[in-house]
Amino acid sequence: MAAKKEYRVAVAGATGAVGNEMVKTLEQRNFPVRELVLLASERSEGKTMRFRGADVTVHTMTKDSFAGVDIASFPPALPGASSLPRPPRRRGPSSSIIRALSGWNRYTAGWCLR
C-alpha cells in the first residue's frame, strides 16, 4: 500500500477570520498536512496559533514565503494587501492555490482551486 501523501500548506492572512477558519478546517477534516506555514502581516510576526495540539509560529508574508509550498490558501482580501506580495502563480501540476470567494460572488461563496 502506498504511503499517504502529505502537503506543505501555507495559509496567508492566518490571524484573520478567514485564515483562522482555514486552519480549523484543515485540523477538523484531518487534512494530510506535513508542515503548516502561517503567514500574516508584520504585526502578527512571532504570534503562535494551535494546530493539532502544537504551537505554530506566524511569519511575515514575503515574496519568498511560498517556496516549497504545495498548497496555498488566501482570503478574499488581505488588509494592507497593496504592500504585500501578490499570491504566487501555480508552478506545475503539483501545486494548488485556494482562494476564498467574495464580492460579486458572495451568494455562492466557497473555496475554489485556481
C-alpha atoms as a PDB file:
ATOM      1  CA  MET A   1       0.000   0.000   0.000  1.00  0.00           C
ATOM      2  CA  ALA A   2       1.363   3.428  -0.957  1.00  0.00           C
ATOM      3  CA  ALA A   3       2.082   5.930   1.789  1.00  0.00           C
ATOM      4  CA  LYS A   4      -0.454   8.730   2.166  1.00  0.00           C
ATOM      5  CA  LYS A   5       0.858  11.950   0.612  1.00  0.00           C
ATOM      6  CA  GLU A   6       1.222  14.870   2.968  1.00  0.00           C
ATOM      7  CA  TYR A   7       1.468  18.503   1.936  1.00  0.00           C
ATOM      8  CA  ARG A   8       3.314  21.649   2.922  1.00  0.00           C
ATOM      9  CA  VAL A   9       0.386  24.058   3.294  1.00  0.00           C
ATOM     10  CA  ALA A  10       0.607  27.858   3.580  1.00  0.00           C
ATOM     11  CA  VAL A  11      -2.255  29.955   4.978  1.00  0.00           C
ATOM     12  CA  ALA A  12      -1.983  33.655   4.119  1.00  0.00           C
ATOM     13  CA  GLY A  13      -3.806  36.003   6.478  1.00  0.00           C
ATOM     14  CA  ALA A  14      -3.681  33.253   9.086  1.00  0.00           C
ATOM     15  CA  THR A  15      -4.507  35.524  12.030  1.00  0.00           C
ATOM     16  CA  GLY A  16      -7.625  36.928  10.345  1.00  0.00           C
ATOM     17  CA  ALA A  17     -11.126  35.466  10.385  1.00  0.00           C
ATOM     18  CA  VAL A  18     -10.852  33.520   7.099  1.00  0.00           C
ATOM     19  CA  GLY A  19      -7.321  32.293   7.798  1.00  0.00           C
ATOM     20  CA  ASN A  20      -8.333  31.162  11.273  1.00  0.00           C
ATOM     21  CA  GLU A  21     -11.246  29.187   9.812  1.00  0.00           C
ATOM     22  CA  MET A  22      -8.964  27.607   7.219  1.00  0.00           C
ATOM     23  CA  VAL A  23      -6.584  26.391   9.937  1.00  0.00           C
ATOM     24  CA  LYS A  24      -9.543  24.979  11.913  1.00  0.00           C
ATOM     25  CA  THR A  25     -10.906  23.266   8.797  1.00  0.00           C
ATOM     26  CA  LEU A  26      -7.560  21.655   7.984  1.00  0.00           C
ATOM     27  CA  GLU A  27      -7.487  20.236  11.501  1.00  0.00           C
ATOM     28  CA  GLN A  28     -11.154  19.208  11.720  1.00  0.00           C
ATOM     29  CA  ARG A  29     -11.008  17.373   8.385  1.00  0.00           C
ATOM     30  CA  ASN A  30      -7.685  15.769   9.247  1.00  0.00           C
ATOM     31  CA  PHE A  31      -6.169  17.115   6.025  1.00  0.00           C
ATOM     32  CA  PRO A  32      -2.756  15.494   5.385  1.00  0.00           C
ATOM     33  CA  VAL A  33      -0.540  18.423   6.398  1.00  0.00           C
ATOM     34  CA  ARG A  34       3.181  17.662   6.662  1.00  0.00           C
ATOM     35  CA  GLU A  35       4.028  21.277   7.551  1.00  0.00           C
ATOM     36  CA  LEU A  36       1.750  24.253   8.161  1.00  0.00           C
ATOM     37  CA  VAL A  37       3.154  27.662   7.205  1.00  0.00           C
ATOM     38  CA  LEU A  38       1.203  30.510   8.811  1.00  0.00           C
ATOM     39  CA  LEU A  39       1.604  33.899   7.128  1.00  0.00           C
ATOM     40  CA  ALA A  40       0.340  37.346   8.026  1.00  0.00           C
ATOM     41  CA  SER A  41       1.439  40.979   8.242  1.00  0.00           C
ATOM     42  CA  GLU A  42       4.472  42.152  10.203  1.00  0.00           C
ATOM     43  CA  ARG A  43       2.106  42.994  13.054  1.00  0.00           C
ATOM     44  CA  SER A  44       1.496  39.277  13.643  1.00  0.00           C
ATOM     45  CA  GLU A  45       5.127  38.108  13.293  1.00  0.00           C
ATOM     46  CA  GLY A  46       6.042  35.762  16.128  1.00  0.00           C
ATOM     47  CA  LYS A  47       2.492  35.088  17.326  1.00  0.00           C
ATOM     48  CA  THR A  48       1.520  31.436  17.644  1.00  0.00           C
ATOM     49  CA  MET A  49      -1.585  29.511  16.714  1.00  0.00           C
ATOM     50  CA  ARG A  50      -2.566  25.977  17.769  1.00  0.00           C
ATOM     51  CA  PHE A  51      -2.704  23.224  15.167  1.00  0.00           C
ATOM     52  CA  ARG A  52      -3.080  19.572  16.121  1.00  0.00           C
ATOM     53  CA  GLY A  53      -2.042  20.252  19.691  1.00  0.00           C
ATOM     54  CA  ALA A  54       1.131  22.175  18.848  1.00  0.00           C
ATOM     55  CA  ASP A  55       2.003  25.864  18.650  1.00  0.00           C
ATOM     56  CA  VAL A  56       2.816  27.047  15.114  1.00  0.00           C
ATOM     57  CA  THR A  57       4.605  30.387  14.704  1.00  0.00           C
ATOM     58  CA  VAL A  58       3.175  33.051  12.394  1.00  0.00           C
ATOM     59  CA  HIS A  59       5.643  34.588   9.927  1.00  0.00           C
ATOM     60  CA  THR A  60       5.530  37.786   7.889  1.00  0.00           C
ATOM     61  CA  MET A  61       4.414  37.091   4.330  1.00  0.00           C
ATOM     62  CA  THR A  62       7.148  37.882   1.799  1.00  0.00           C
ATOM     63  CA  LYS A  63       7.818  37.044  -1.834  1.00  0.00           C
ATOM     64  CA  ASP A  64       9.809  34.009  -0.663  1.00  0.00           C
ATOM     65  CA  SER A  65       7.156  32.681   1.736  1.00  0.00           C
ATOM     66  CA  PHE A  66       5.765  30.193  -0.777  1.00  0.00           C
ATOM     67  CA  ALA A  67       8.974  28.410  -1.736  1.00  0.00           C
ATOM     68  CA  GLY A  68       8.370  24.674  -1.477  1.00  0.00           C
ATOM     69  CA  VAL A  69       4.659  25.095  -0.668  1.00  0.00           C
ATOM     70  CA  ASP A  70       2.324  22.513  -2.203  1.00  0.00           C
ATOM     71  CA  ILE A  71      -0.966  24.265  -1.384  1.00  0.00           C
ATOM     72  CA  ALA A  72      -1.530  27.938  -0.539  1.00  0.00           C
ATOM     73  CA  SER A  73      -4.743  29.430   0.880  1.00  0.00           C
ATOM     74  CA  PHE A  74      -5.681  33.106   0.504  1.00  0.00           C
ATOM     75  CA  PRO A  75      -8.598  35.067   1.984  1.00  0.00           C
ATOM     76  CA  PRO A  76     -10.717  37.248  -0.347  1.00  0.00           C
ATOM     77  CA  ALA A  77      -8.915  40.381   0.876  1.00  0.00           C
ATOM     78  CA  LEU A  78      -5.843  40.995   2.959  1.00  0.00           C
ATOM     79  CA  PRO A  79      -5.661  44.217   4.994  1.00  0.00           C
ATOM     80  CA  GLY A  80      -2.793  46.272   3.638  1.00  0.00           C
ATOM     81  CA  ALA A  81      -2.632  43.996   0.606  1.00  0.00           C
ATOM     82  CA  SER A  82      -1.092  46.718  -1.538  1.00  0.00           C
ATOM     83  CA  SER A  83       2.106  46.391   0.481  1.00  0.00           C
ATOM     84  CA  LEU A  84       2.114  42.580   0.483  1.00  0.00           C
ATOM     85  CA  PRO A  85       3.383  40.344  -2.302  1.00  0.00           C
ATOM     86  CA  ARG A  86       0.892  39.025  -4.832  1.00  0.00           C
ATOM     87  CA  PRO A  87      -0.184  35.397  -4.481  1.00  0.00           C
ATOM     88  CA  PRO A  88       2.152  33.089  -6.378  1.00  0.00           C
ATOM     89  CA  ARG A  89       1.183  31.534  -9.679  1.00  0.00           C
ATOM     90  CA  ARG A  90       0.878  27.770  -9.837  1.00  0.00           C
ATOM     91  CA  ARG A  91       4.234  26.221 -10.546  1.00  0.00           C
ATOM     92  CA  GLY A  92       3.452  22.949 -12.204  1.00  0.00           C
ATOM     93  CA  PRO A  93       0.667  20.399 -11.838  1.00  0.00           C
ATOM     94  CA  SER A  94       1.564  19.503  -8.257  1.00  0.00           C
ATOM     95  CA  SER A  95       0.864  22.934  -6.734  1.00  0.00           C
ATOM     96  CA  SER A  96      -2.533  24.444  -5.898  1.00  0.00           C
ATOM     97  CA  ILE A  97      -3.808  27.822  -4.782  1.00  0.00           C
ATOM     98  CA  ILE A  98      -7.033  28.101  -2.802  1.00  0.00           C
ATOM     99  CA  ARG A  99      -8.850  31.416  -2.589  1.00  0.00           C
ATOM    100  CA  ALA A 100     -11.969  32.288  -0.646  1.00  0.00           C
ATOM    101  CA  LEU A 101     -14.531  33.906  -2.933  1.00  0.00           C
ATOM    102  CA  SER A 102     -16.322  37.135  -2.052  1.00  0.00           C
ATOM    103  CA  GLY A 103     -17.735  40.344  -3.511  1.00  0.00           C
ATOM    104  CA  TRP A 104     -19.705  39.661  -6.690  1.00  0.00           C
ATOM    105  CA  ASN A 105     -19.854  36.011  -5.769  1.00  0.00           C
ATOM    106  CA  ARG A 106     -20.956  36.448  -2.174  1.00  0.00           C
ATOM    107  CA  TYR A 107     -24.128  34.382  -2.606  1.00  0.00           C
ATOM    108  CA  THR A 108     -22.226  31.345  -3.828  1.00  0.00           C
ATOM    109  CA  ALA A 109     -19.119  31.902  -1.700  1.00  0.00           C
ATOM    110  CA  GLY A 110     -16.914  28.942  -1.144  1.00  0.00           C
ATOM    111  CA  TRP A 111     -13.453  27.599  -1.819  1.00  0.00           C
ATOM    112  CA  CYS A 112     -12.063  27.204  -5.311  1.00  0.00           C
ATOM    113  CA  LEU A 113      -8.891  25.933  -6.882  1.00  0.00           C
ATOM    114  CA  ARG A 114      -7.230  28.140  -9.449  1.00  0.00           C
END
